[in-house]
Amino acid sequence: MSEFVPAARLDQLAPERGLALEVAGASVAVFLVGGEVHALDDLCPHSGGPLSEGPLENGCVTCPWHGARFELASGRSVGEFQCRDVRRHAARVVDGRVEVALTPRAARRS
């Protein structure tokens, strides 16, 4: 796992909404759900839809382009429209700042 790097201020995150960020050269979608911060690659592996713009429901984000759903806690593809899992990154809050540690691409499940 990579080192944690500052990504955003906690007050930039709206509850139950995604925020697109650039973290160490990667496009990352960050979500604040139930007081927990989650981070996934922002691009849907099916066709590159922006997951940060997708609706959240029951701990999952849905790609706004084609409806692929991913668990925030694992990045696992779930539901009727199955595709490759999305890379999940460790995220935490320290002193009001959201920090993200990118998961190396080699660790991603297919």
PDB file of N, CA and C in Angstrom:
ATOM      1  N   MET A   1       0.845  -1.175   0.000  1.00  0.00           N
ATOM      2  CA  MET A   1       0.000   0.000   0.000  1.00  0.00           C
ATOM      3  C   MET A   1       0.890   1.236   0.000  1.00  0.00           C
ATOM      4  N   SER A   2       0.446   2.252  -0.684  1.00  0.00           N
ATOM      5  CA  SER A   2       1.167   3.518  -0.747  1.00  0.00           C
ATOM      6  C   SER A   2       1.012   4.284   0.554  1.00  0.00           C
ATOM      7  N   GLU A   3       1.775   5.357   0.664  1.00  0.00           N
ATOM      8  CA  GLU A   3       1.643   6.238   1.822  1.00  0.00           C
ATOM      9  C   GLU A   3       0.378   7.070   1.695  1.00  0.00           C
ATOM     10  N   PHE A   4      -0.161   7.463   2.847  1.00  0.00           N
ATOM     11  CA  PHE A   4      -1.317   8.360   2.843  1.00  0.00           C
ATOM     12  C   PHE A   4      -0.854   9.747   2.419  1.00  0.00           C
ATOM     13  N   VAL A   5      -1.636  10.370   1.525  1.00  0.00           N
ATOM     14  CA  VAL A   5      -1.351  11.740   1.085  1.00  0.00           C
ATOM     15  C   VAL A   5      -2.617  12.571   1.263  1.00  0.00           C
ATOM     16  N   PRO A   6      -2.468  13.849   1.592  1.00  0.00           N
ATOM     17  CA  PRO A   6      -3.641  14.718   1.725  1.00  0.00           C
ATOM     18  C   PRO A   6      -4.382  14.798   0.393  1.00  0.00           C
ATOM     19  N   ALA A   7      -5.719  14.705   0.445  1.00  0.00           N
ATOM     20  CA  ALA A   7      -6.521  14.719  -0.775  1.00  0.00           C
ATOM     21  C   ALA A   7      -7.550  15.849  -0.789  1.00  0.00           C
ATOM     22  N   ALA A   8      -8.124  16.179   0.376  1.00  0.00           N
ATOM     23  CA  ALA A   8      -9.180  17.195   0.452  1.00  0.00           C
ATOM     24  C   ALA A   8      -9.407  17.559   1.915  1.00  0.00           C
ATOM     25  N   ARG A   9     -10.121  18.630   2.127  1.00  0.00           N
ATOM     26  CA  ARG A   9     -10.598  18.956   3.472  1.00  0.00           C
ATOM     27  C   ARG A   9     -11.903  18.190   3.690  1.00  0.00           C
ATOM     28  N   LEU A  10     -12.124  17.730   4.890  1.00  0.00           N
ATOM     29  CA  LEU A  10     -13.343  16.991   5.199  1.00  0.00           C
ATOM     30  C   LEU A  10     -14.588  17.820   4.872  1.00  0.00           C
ATOM     31  N   ASP A  11     -14.542  19.138   5.089  1.00  0.00           N
ATOM     32  CA  ASP A  11     -15.722  19.964   4.812  1.00  0.00           C
ATOM     33  C   ASP A  11     -16.012  20.112   3.319  1.00  0.00           C
ATOM     34  N   GLN A  12     -15.140  19.608   2.452  1.00  0.00           N
ATOM     35  CA  GLN A  12     -15.414  19.596   1.011  1.00  0.00           C
ATOM     36  C   GLN A  12     -16.327  18.435   0.620  1.00  0.00           C
ATOM     37  N   LEU A  13     -16.442  17.438   1.500  1.00  0.00           N
ATOM     38  CA  LEU A  13     -17.272  16.275   1.199  1.00  0.00           C
ATOM     39  C   LEU A  13     -18.694  16.502   1.688  1.00  0.00           C
ATOM     40  N   ALA A  14     -19.644  16.304   0.806  1.00  0.00           N
ATOM     41  CA  ALA A  14     -21.052  16.355   1.186  1.00  0.00           C
ATOM     42  C   ALA A  14     -21.490  14.931   1.521  1.00  0.00           C
ATOM     43  N   PRO A  15     -22.203  14.747   2.628  1.00  0.00           N
ATOM     44  CA  PRO A  15     -22.667  13.401   2.961  1.00  0.00           C
ATOM     45  C   PRO A  15     -23.487  12.794   1.827  1.00  0.00           C
ATOM     46  N   GLU A  16     -23.233  11.514   1.565  1.00  0.00           N
ATOM     47  CA  GLU A  16     -23.973  10.748   0.566  1.00  0.00           C
ATOM     48  C   GLU A  16     -23.762  11.253  -0.864  1.00  0.00           C
ATOM     49  N   ARG A  17     -22.644  11.949  -1.111  1.00  0.00           N
ATOM     50  CA  ARG A  17     -22.319  12.439  -2.460  1.00  0.00           C
ATOM     51  C   ARG A  17     -20.855  12.139  -2.741  1.00  0.00           C
ATOM     52  N   GLY A  18     -20.517  11.983  -3.999  1.00  0.00           N
ATOM     53  CA  GLY A  18     -19.136  11.744  -4.375  1.00  0.00           C
ATOM     54  C   GLY A  18     -18.414  13.034  -4.706  1.00  0.00           C
ATOM     55  N   LEU A  19     -17.103  12.987  -4.610  1.00  0.00           N
ATOM     56  CA  LEU A  19     -16.253  14.106  -4.976  1.00  0.00           C
ATOM     57  C   LEU A  19     -15.092  13.557  -5.797  1.00  0.00           C
ATOM     58  N   ALA A  20     -14.900  14.089  -7.001  1.00  0.00           N
ATOM     59  CA  ALA A  20     -13.785  13.672  -7.854  1.00  0.00           C
ATOM     60  C   ALA A  20     -12.528  14.426  -7.436  1.00  0.00           C
ATOM     61  N   LEU A  21     -11.450  13.686  -7.231  1.00  0.00           N
ATOM     62  CA  LEU A  21     -10.178  14.277  -6.827  1.00  0.00           C
ATOM     63  C   LEU A  21      -9.044  13.684  -7.657  1.00  0.00           C
ATOM     64  N   GLU A  22      -7.972  14.436  -7.778  1.00  0.00           N
ATOM     65  CA  GLU A  22      -6.729  13.937  -8.355  1.00  0.00           C
ATOM     66  C   GLU A  22      -5.803  13.657  -7.171  1.00  0.00           C
ATOM     67  N   VAL A  23      -5.401  12.398  -7.005  1.00  0.00           N
ATOM     68  CA  VAL A  23      -4.537  12.002  -5.890  1.00  0.00           C
ATOM     69  C   VAL A  23      -3.302  11.320  -6.469  1.00  0.00           C
ATOM     70  N   ALA A  24      -2.168  11.965  -6.318  1.00  0.00           N
ATOM     71  CA  ALA A  24      -0.893  11.413  -6.805  1.00  0.00           C
ATOM     72  C   ALA A  24      -0.999  10.941  -8.252  1.00  0.00           C
ATOM     73  N   GLY A  25      -1.685  11.716  -9.074  1.00  0.00           N
ATOM     74  CA  GLY A  25      -1.818  11.409 -10.494  1.00  0.00           C
ATOM     75  C   GLY A  25      -2.946  10.467 -10.858  1.00  0.00           C
ATOM     76  N   ALA A  26      -3.727  10.028  -9.894  1.00  0.00           N
ATOM     77  CA  ALA A  26      -4.842   9.110 -10.151  1.00  0.00           C
ATOM     78  C   ALA A  26      -6.176   9.826  -9.940  1.00  0.00           C
ATOM     79  N   SER A  27      -7.167   9.496 -10.764  1.00  0.00           N
ATOM     80  CA  SER A  27      -8.519  10.026 -10.592  1.00  0.00           C
ATOM     81  C   SER A  27      -9.241   9.171  -9.559  1.00  0.00           C
ATOM     82  N   VAL A  28      -9.624   9.793  -8.449  1.00  0.00           N
ATOM     83  CA  VAL A  28     -10.217   9.075  -7.321  1.00  0.00           C
ATOM     84  C   VAL A  28     -11.564   9.691  -6.980  1.00  0.00           C
ATOM     85  N   ALA A  29     -12.541   8.847  -6.687  1.00  0.00           N
ATOM     86  CA  ALA A  29     -13.847   9.284  -6.203  1.00  0.00           C
ATOM     87  C   ALA A  29     -13.866   9.052  -4.695  1.00  0.00           C
ATOM     88  N   VAL A  30     -14.180  10.102  -3.939  1.00  0.00           N
ATOM     89  CA  VAL A  30     -14.209  10.002  -2.486  1.00  0.00           C
ATOM     90  C   VAL A  30     -15.637  10.238  -2.026  1.00  0.00           C
ATOM     91  N   PHE A  31     -16.087   9.422  -1.079  1.00  0.00           N
ATOM     92  CA  PHE A  31     -17.466   9.462  -0.588  1.00  0.00           C
ATOM     93  C   PHE A  31     -17.470   9.527   0.933  1.00  0.00           C
ATOM     94  N   LEU A  32     -18.417  10.266   1.495  1.00  0.00           N
ATOM     95  CA  LEU A  32     -18.642  10.308   2.939  1.00  0.00           C
ATOM     96  C   LEU A  32     -20.017   9.712   3.193  1.00  0.00           C
ATOM     97  N   VAL A  33     -20.030   8.515   3.762  1.00  0.00           N
ATOM     98  CA  VAL A  33     -21.281   7.785   3.988  1.00  0.00           C
ATOM     99  C   VAL A  33     -21.311   7.295   5.426  1.00  0.00           C
ATOM    100  N   GLY A  34     -22.326   7.693   6.158  1.00  0.00           N
ATOM    101  CA  GLY A  34     -22.456   7.263   7.537  1.00  0.00           C
ATOM    102  C   GLY A  34     -21.264   7.652   8.388  1.00  0.00           C
ATOM    103  N   GLY A  35     -20.650   8.777   8.083  1.00  0.00           N
ATOM    104  CA  GLY A  35     -19.490   9.237   8.836  1.00  0.00           C
ATOM    105  C   GLY A  35     -18.184   8.592   8.428  1.00  0.00           C
ATOM    106  N   GLU A  36     -18.213   7.643   7.482  1.00  0.00           N
ATOM    107  CA  GLU A  36     -17.001   6.973   7.010  1.00  0.00           C
ATOM    108  C   GLU A  36     -16.611   7.500   5.640  1.00  0.00           C
ATOM    109  N   VAL A  37     -15.312   7.619   5.414  1.00  0.00           N
ATOM    110  CA  VAL A  37     -14.795   8.063   4.125  1.00  0.00           C
ATOM    111  C   VAL A  37     -14.353   6.840   3.323  1.00  0.00           C
ATOM    112  N   HIS A  38     -14.775   6.802   2.066  1.00  0.00           N
ATOM    113  CA  HIS A  38     -14.417   5.717   1.149  1.00  0.00           C
ATOM    114  C   HIS A  38     -13.784   6.328  -0.096  1.00  0.00           C
ATOM    115  N   ALA A  39     -12.837   5.608  -0.700  1.00  0.00           N
ATOM    116  CA  ALA A  39     -12.194   6.079  -1.921  1.00  0.00           C
ATOM    117  C   ALA A  39     -12.078   4.933  -2.924  1.00  0.00           C
ATOM    118  N   LEU A  40     -12.502   5.219  -4.151  1.00  0.00           N
ATOM    119  CA  LEU A  40     -12.429   4.264  -5.259  1.00  0.00           C
ATOM    120  C   LEU A  40     -11.831   4.969  -6.464  1.00  0.00           C
ATOM    121  N   ASP A  41     -11.320   4.199  -7.428  1.00  0.00           N
ATOM    122  CA  ASP A  41     -10.989   4.817  -8.705  1.00  0.00           C
ATOM    123  C   ASP A  41     -12.254   5.498  -9.212  1.00  0.00           C
ATOM    124  N   ASP A  42     -12.101   6.671  -9.807  1.00  0.00           N
ATOM    125  CA  ASP A  42     -13.284   7.421 -10.248  1.00  0.00           C
ATOM    126  C   ASP A  42     -13.884   6.875 -11.534  1.00  0.00           C
ATOM    127  N   LEU A  43     -13.125   6.138 -12.322  1.00  0.00           N
ATOM    128  CA  LEU A  43     -13.625   5.695 -13.618  1.00  0.00           C
ATOM    129  C   LEU A  43     -14.157   4.268 -13.558  1.00  0.00           C
ATOM    130  N   CYS A  44     -15.388   4.102 -14.004  1.00  0.00           N
ATOM    131  CA  CYS A  44     -16.003   2.780 -14.075  1.00  0.00           C
ATOM    132  C   CYS A  44     -15.200   1.921 -15.051  1.00  0.00           C
ATOM    133  N   PRO A  45     -14.863   0.688 -14.687  1.00  0.00           N
ATOM    134  CA  PRO A  45     -14.072  -0.163 -15.580  1.00  0.00           C
ATOM    135  C   PRO A  45     -14.826  -0.593 -16.833  1.00  0.00           C
ATOM    136  N   HIS A  46     -16.143  -0.419 -16.869  1.00  0.00           N
ATOM    137  CA  HIS A  46     -16.915  -0.810 -18.056  1.00  0.00           C
ATOM    138  C   HIS A  46     -16.672   0.143 -19.208  1.00  0.00           C
ATOM    139  N   SER A  47     -16.875   1.447 -18.986  1.00  0.00           N
ATOM    140  CA  SER A  47     -16.681   2.395 -20.089  1.00  0.00           C
ATOM    141  C   SER A  47     -16.193   3.761 -19.623  1.00  0.00           C
ATOM    142  N   GLY A  48     -15.640   3.828 -18.429  1.00  0.00           N
ATOM    143  CA  GLY A  48     -15.024   5.064 -17.966  1.00  0.00           C
ATOM    144  C   GLY A  48     -15.969   6.095 -17.394  1.00  0.00           C
ATOM    145  N   GLY A  49     -17.190   5.712 -17.039  1.00  0.00           N
ATOM    146  CA  GLY A  49     -18.131   6.651 -16.429  1.00  0.00           C
ATOM    147  C   GLY A  49     -17.602   7.169 -15.102  1.00  0.00           C
ATOM    148  N   PRO A  50     -17.948   8.421 -14.740  1.00  0.00           N
ATOM    149  CA  PRO A  50     -17.452   9.021 -13.500  1.00  0.00           C
ATOM    150  C   PRO A  50     -18.220   8.533 -12.271  1.00  0.00           C
ATOM    151  N   LEU A  51     -17.641   7.628 -11.521  1.00  0.00           N
ATOM    152  CA  LEU A  51     -18.321   7.093 -10.337  1.00  0.00           C
ATOM    153  C   LEU A  51     -18.612   8.179  -9.317  1.00  0.00           C
ATOM    154  N   SER A  52     -17.802   9.231  -9.279  1.00  0.00           N
ATOM    155  CA  SER A  52     -18.039  10.325  -8.329  1.00  0.00           C
ATOM    156  C   SER A  52     -19.384  11.009  -8.574  1.00  0.00           C
ATOM    157  N   GLU A  53     -19.949  10.863  -9.752  1.00  0.00           N
ATOM    158  CA  GLU A  53     -21.237  11.467 -10.086  1.00  0.00           C
ATOM    159  C   GLU A  53     -22.407  10.502  -9.924  1.00  0.00           C
ATOM    160  N   GLY A  54     -22.118   9.263  -9.539  1.00  0.00           N
ATOM    161  CA  GLY A  54     -23.156   8.250  -9.423  1.00  0.00           C
ATOM    162  C   GLY A  54     -23.917   8.326  -8.114  1.00  0.00           C
ATOM    163  N   PRO A  55     -25.166   7.861  -8.140  1.00  0.00           N
ATOM    164  CA  PRO A  55     -25.960   7.836  -6.911  1.00  0.00           C
ATOM    165  C   PRO A  55     -25.475   6.756  -5.951  1.00  0.00           C
ATOM    166  N   LEU A  56     -25.678   7.011  -4.658  1.00  0.00           N
ATOM    167  CA  LEU A  56     -25.301   6.076  -3.603  1.00  0.00           C
ATOM    168  C   LEU A  56     -26.551   5.463  -2.997  1.00  0.00           C
ATOM    169  N   GLU A  57     -26.477   4.165  -2.734  1.00  0.00           N
ATOM    170  CA  GLU A  57     -27.584   3.481  -2.075  1.00  0.00           C
ATOM    171  C   GLU A  57     -27.070   2.189  -1.462  1.00  0.00           C
ATOM    172  N   ASN A  58     -27.424   1.960  -0.202  1.00  0.00           N
ATOM    173  CA  ASN A  58     -27.069   0.723   0.498  1.00  0.00           C
ATOM    174  C   ASN A  58     -25.580   0.394   0.414  1.00  0.00           C
ATOM    175  N   GLY A  59     -24.720   1.392   0.602  1.00  0.00           N
ATOM    176  CA  GLY A  59     -23.288   1.154   0.611  1.00  0.00           C
ATOM    177  C   GLY A  59     -22.674   0.912  -0.749  1.00  0.00           C
ATOM    178  N   CYS A  60     -23.405   1.261  -1.809  1.00  0.00           N
ATOM    179  CA  CYS A  60     -22.909   1.071  -3.173  1.00  0.00           C
ATOM    180  C   CYS A  60     -23.039   2.360  -3.966  1.00  0.00           C
ATOM    181  N   VAL A  61     -22.171   2.512  -4.959  1.00  0.00           N
ATOM    182  CA  VAL A  61     -22.278   3.603  -5.922  1.00  0.00           C
ATOM    183  C   VAL A  61     -22.633   2.980  -7.267  1.00  0.00           C
ATOM    184  N   THR A  62     -23.492   3.671  -8.018  1.00  0.00           N
ATOM    185  CA  THR A  62     -23.915   3.209  -9.335  1.00  0.00           C
ATOM    186  C   THR A  62     -23.326   4.118 -10.399  1.00  0.00           C
ATOM    187  N   CYS A  63     -22.713   3.527 -11.418  1.00  0.00           N
ATOM    188  CA  CYS A  63     -22.169   4.306 -12.523  1.00  0.00           C
ATOM    189  C   CYS A  63     -23.317   5.042 -13.206  1.00  0.00           C
ATOM    190  N   PRO A  64     -23.196   6.364 -13.384  1.00  0.00           N
ATOM    191  CA  PRO A  64     -24.283   7.119 -13.998  1.00  0.00           C
ATOM    192  C   PRO A  64     -24.455   6.846 -15.489  1.00  0.00           C
ATOM    193  N   TRP A  65     -23.508   6.194 -16.125  1.00  0.00           N
ATOM    194  CA  TRP A  65     -23.615   5.945 -17.560  1.00  0.00           C
ATOM    195  C   TRP A  65     -24.347   4.662 -17.905  1.00  0.00           C
ATOM    196  N   HIS A  66     -24.029   3.546 -17.232  1.00  0.00           N
ATOM    197  CA  HIS A  66     -24.618   2.270 -17.629  1.00  0.00           C
ATOM    198  C   HIS A  66     -25.173   1.440 -16.475  1.00  0.00           C
ATOM    199  N   GLY A  67     -25.123   1.957 -15.265  1.00  0.00           N
ATOM    200  CA  GLY A  67     -25.766   1.278 -14.149  1.00  0.00           C
ATOM    201  C   GLY A  67     -24.955   0.215 -13.443  1.00  0.00           C
ATOM    202  N   ALA A  68     -23.666   0.077 -13.750  1.00  0.00           N
ATOM    203  CA  ALA A  68     -22.843  -0.878 -13.003  1.00  0.00           C
ATOM    204  C   ALA A  68     -22.756  -0.389 -11.553  1.00  0.00           C
ATOM    205  N   ARG A  69     -22.838  -1.322 -10.583  1.00  0.00           N
ATOM    206  CA  ARG A  69     -22.817  -0.964  -9.162  1.00  0.00           C
ATOM    207  C   ARG A  69     -21.578  -1.553  -8.500  1.00  0.00           C
ATOM    208  N   PHE A  70     -21.036  -0.769  -7.529  1.00  0.00           N
ATOM    209  CA  PHE A  70     -19.823  -1.178  -6.830  1.00  0.00           C
ATOM    210  C   PHE A  70     -19.979  -0.916  -5.342  1.00  0.00           C
ATOM    211  N   GLU A  71     -19.541  -1.887  -4.536  1.00  0.00           N
ATOM    212  CA  GLU A  71     -19.540  -1.701  -3.088  1.00  0.00           C
ATOM    213  C   GLU A  71     -18.462  -0.689  -2.714  1.00  0.00           C
ATOM    214  N   LEU A  72     -18.825   0.289  -1.889  1.00  0.00           N
ATOM    215  CA  LEU A  72     -17.848   1.279  -1.448  1.00  0.00           C
ATOM    216  C   LEU A  72     -16.775   0.646  -0.573  1.00  0.00           C
ATOM    217  N   ALA A  73     -17.147  -0.315   0.245  1.00  0.00           N
ATOM    218  CA  ALA A  73     -16.220  -0.915   1.206  1.00  0.00           C
ATOM    219  C   ALA A  73     -15.189  -1.831   0.562  1.00  0.00           C
ATOM    220  N   SER A  74     -15.479  -2.342  -0.648  1.00  0.00           N
ATOM    221  CA  SER A  74     -14.563  -3.306  -1.266  1.00  0.00           C
ATOM    222  C   SER A  74     -14.206  -3.003  -2.714  1.00  0.00           C
ATOM    223  N   GLY A  75     -15.031  -2.225  -3.405  1.00  0.00           N
ATOM    224  CA  GLY A  75     -14.838  -1.984  -4.833  1.00  0.00           C
ATOM    225  C   GLY A  75     -15.396  -3.098  -5.693  1.00  0.00           C
ATOM    226  N   ARG A  76     -16.008  -4.090  -5.066  1.00  0.00           N
ATOM    227  CA  ARG A  76     -16.534  -5.259  -5.779  1.00  0.00           C
ATOM    228  C   ARG A  76     -17.742  -4.891  -6.635  1.00  0.00           C
ATOM    229  N   SER A  77     -17.785  -5.407  -7.860  1.00  0.00           N
ATOM    230  CA  SER A  77     -18.927  -5.223  -8.748  1.00  0.00           C
ATOM    231  C   SER A  77     -20.076  -6.093  -8.246  1.00  0.00           C
ATOM    232  N   VAL A  78     -21.248  -5.488  -8.082  1.00  0.00           N
ATOM    233  CA  VAL A  78     -22.416  -6.207  -7.571  1.00  0.00           C
ATOM    234  C   VAL A  78     -23.635  -5.867  -8.441  1.00  0.00           C
ATOM    235  N   GLY A  79     -24.686  -6.658  -8.306  1.00  0.00           N
ATOM    236  CA  GLY A  79     -25.922  -6.373  -9.020  1.00  0.00           C
ATOM    237  C   GLY A  79     -26.005  -7.083 -10.354  1.00  0.00           C
ATOM    238  N   GLU A  80     -27.004  -6.698 -11.132  1.00  0.00           N
ATOM    239  CA  GLU A  80     -27.289  -7.364 -12.405  1.00  0.00           C
ATOM    240  C   GLU A  80     -26.222  -7.099 -13.464  1.00  0.00           C
ATOM    241  N   PHE A  81     -25.708  -5.883 -13.522  1.00  0.00           N
ATOM    242  CA  PHE A  81     -24.710  -5.519 -14.529  1.00  0.00           C
ATOM    243  C   PHE A  81     -23.330  -5.759 -13.944  1.00  0.00           C
ATOM    244  N   GLN A  82     -22.776  -6.918 -14.210  1.00  0.00           N
ATOM    245  CA  GLN A  82     -21.470  -7.282 -13.659  1.00  0.00           C
ATOM    246  C   GLN A  82     -20.353  -6.836 -14.590  1.00  0.00           C
ATOM    247  N   CYS A  83     -19.319  -6.275 -14.009  1.00  0.00           N
ATOM    248  CA  CYS A  83     -18.108  -5.957 -14.754  1.00  0.00           C
ATOM    249  C   CYS A  83     -16.935  -6.128 -13.799  1.00  0.00           C
ATOM    250  N   ARG A  84     -15.757  -5.736 -14.238  1.00  0.00           N
ATOM    251  CA  ARG A  84     -14.581  -5.856 -13.396  1.00  0.00           C
ATOM    252  C   ARG A  84     -14.741  -5.016 -12.132  1.00  0.00           C
ATOM    253  N   ASP A  85     -14.166  -5.466 -11.031  1.00  0.00           N
ATOM    254  CA  ASP A  85     -14.174  -4.681  -9.796  1.00  0.00           C
ATOM    255  C   ASP A  85     -13.401  -3.385 -10.023  1.00  0.00           C
ATOM    256  N   VAL A  86     -13.707  -2.402  -9.195  1.00  0.00           N
ATOM    257  CA  VAL A  86     -12.995  -1.131  -9.253  1.00  0.00           C
ATOM    258  C   VAL A  86     -11.989  -1.095  -8.099  1.00  0.00           C
ATOM    259  N   ARG A  87     -10.878  -0.443  -8.306  1.00  0.00           N
ATOM    260  CA  ARG A  87      -9.838  -0.390  -7.279  1.00  0.00           C
ATOM    261  C   ARG A  87     -10.295   0.483  -6.115  1.00  0.00           C
ATOM    262  N   ARG A  88     -10.168  -0.059  -4.901  1.00  0.00           N
ATOM    263  CA  ARG A  88     -10.504   0.666  -3.679  1.00  0.00           C
ATOM    264  C   ARG A  88      -9.209   1.116  -3.025  1.00  0.00           C
ATOM    265  N   HIS A  89      -9.265   2.299  -2.418  1.00  0.00           N
ATOM    266  CA  HIS A  89      -8.083   2.859  -1.762  1.00  0.00           C
ATOM    267  C   HIS A  89      -8.392   3.105  -0.287  1.00  0.00           C
ATOM    268  N   ALA A  90      -7.369   2.978   0.545  1.00  0.00           N
ATOM    269  CA  ALA A  90      -7.536   3.296   1.962  1.00  0.00           C
ATOM    270  C   ALA A  90      -7.750   4.802   2.096  1.00  0.00           C
ATOM    271  N   ALA A  91      -8.661   5.189   2.980  1.00  0.00           N
ATOM    272  CA  ALA A  91      -8.934   6.614   3.227  1.00  0.00           C
ATOM    273  C   ALA A  91      -9.139   6.809   4.721  1.00  0.00           C
ATOM    274  N   ARG A  92      -8.716   7.979   5.183  1.00  0.00           N
ATOM    275  CA  ARG A  92      -8.879   8.304   6.597  1.00  0.00           C
ATOM    276  C   ARG A  92      -8.990   9.820   6.736  1.00  0.00           C
ATOM    277  N   VAL A  93      -9.418  10.242   7.928  1.00  0.00           N
ATOM    278  CA  VAL A  93      -9.504  11.667   8.238  1.00  0.00           C
ATOM    279  C   VAL A  93      -8.528  11.949   9.376  1.00  0.00           C
ATOM    280  N   VAL A  94      -7.661  12.941   9.165  1.00  0.00           N
ATOM    281  CA  VAL A  94      -6.686  13.366  10.177  1.00  0.00           C
ATOM    282  C   VAL A  94      -6.765  14.880  10.275  1.00  0.00           C
ATOM    283  N   ASP A  95      -7.115  15.367  11.446  1.00  0.00           N
ATOM    284  CA  ASP A  95      -7.186  16.809  11.688  1.00  0.00           C
ATOM    285  C   ASP A  95      -8.028  17.542  10.639  1.00  0.00           C
ATOM    286  N   GLY A  96      -9.168  16.972  10.291  1.00  0.00           N
ATOM    287  CA  GLY A  96     -10.082  17.626   9.357  1.00  0.00           C
ATOM    288  C   GLY A  96      -9.695  17.505   7.893  1.00  0.00           C
ATOM    289  N   ARG A  97      -8.674  16.720   7.608  1.00  0.00           N
ATOM    290  CA  ARG A  97      -8.243  16.504   6.221  1.00  0.00           C
ATOM    291  C   ARG A  97      -8.444  15.049   5.835  1.00  0.00           C
ATOM    292  N   VAL A  98      -8.917  14.848   4.624  1.00  0.00           N
ATOM    293  CA  VAL A  98      -9.063  13.500   4.085  1.00  0.00           C
ATOM    294  C   VAL A  98      -7.735  13.107   3.452  1.00  0.00           C
ATOM    295  N   GLU A  99      -7.236  11.937   3.852  1.00  0.00           N
ATOM    296  CA  GLU A  99      -6.002  11.398   3.291  1.00  0.00           C
ATOM    297  C   GLU A  99      -6.312  10.077   2.604  1.00  0.00           C
ATOM    298  N   VAL A 100      -5.654   9.842   1.476  1.00  0.00           N
ATOM    299  CA  VAL A 100      -5.874   8.629   0.690  1.00  0.00           C
ATOM    300  C   VAL A 100      -4.532   7.962   0.425  1.00  0.00           C
ATOM    301  N   ALA A 101      -4.510   6.644   0.530  1.00  0.00           N
ATOM    302  CA  ALA A 101      -3.341   5.844   0.156  1.00  0.00           C
ATOM    303  C   ALA A 101      -3.756   4.988  -1.040  1.00  0.00           C
ATOM    304  N   LEU A 102      -3.157   5.260  -2.182  1.00  0.00           N
ATOM    305  CA  LEU A 102      -3.518   4.527  -3.392  1.00  0.00           C
ATOM    306  C   LEU A 102      -3.122   3.062  -3.300  1.00  0.00           C
ATOM    307  N   THR A 103      -4.015   2.201  -3.731  1.00  0.00           N
ATOM    308  CA  THR A 103      -3.732   0.778  -3.833  1.00  0.00           C
ATOM    309  C   THR A 103      -2.994   0.550  -5.145  1.00  0.00           C
ATOM    310  N   PRO A 104      -1.871  -0.125  -5.121  1.00  0.00           N
ATOM    311  CA  PRO A 104      -1.156  -0.379  -6.370  1.00  0.00           C
ATOM    312  C   PRO A 104      -2.025  -1.153  -7.357  1.00  0.00           C
ATOM    313  N   ARG A 105      -1.865  -0.881  -8.617  1.00  0.00           N
ATOM    314  CA  ARG A 105      -2.666  -1.564  -9.652  1.00  0.00           C
ATOM    315  C   ARG A 105      -2.500  -3.063  -9.605  1.00  0.00           C
ATOM    316  N   ALA A 106      -1.332  -3.549  -9.271  1.00  0.00           N
ATOM    317  CA  ALA A 106      -1.099  -4.999  -9.232  1.00  0.00           C
ATOM    318  C   ALA A 106      -1.960  -5.699  -8.188  1.00  0.00           C
ATOM    319  N   ALA A 107      -2.441  -4.957  -7.162  1.00  0.00           N
ATOM    320  CA  ALA A 107      -3.232  -5.563  -6.095  1.00  0.00           C
ATOM    321  C   ALA A 107      -4.705  -5.631  -6.442  1.00  0.00           C
ATOM    322  N   ARG A 108      -5.103  -5.061  -7.577  1.00  0.00           N
ATOM    323  CA  ARG A 108      -6.511  -5.018  -7.939  1.00  0.00           C
ATOM    324  C   ARG A 108      -7.006  -6.380  -8.388  1.00  0.00           C
ATOM    325  N   ARG A 109      -8.229  -6.739  -7.953  1.00  0.00           N
ATOM    326  CA  ARG A 109      -8.853  -7.973  -8.402  1.00  0.00           C
ATOM    327  C   ARG A 109      -9.494  -7.745  -9.753  1.00  0.00           C
ATOM    328  N   SER A 110      -9.530  -8.771 -10.576  1.00  0.00           N
ATOM    329  CA  SER A 110     -10.210  -8.683 -11.877  1.00  0.00           C
ATOM    330  C   SER A 110     -11.525  -9.391 -11.821  1.00  0.00           C
TER     331      SER A 110
END
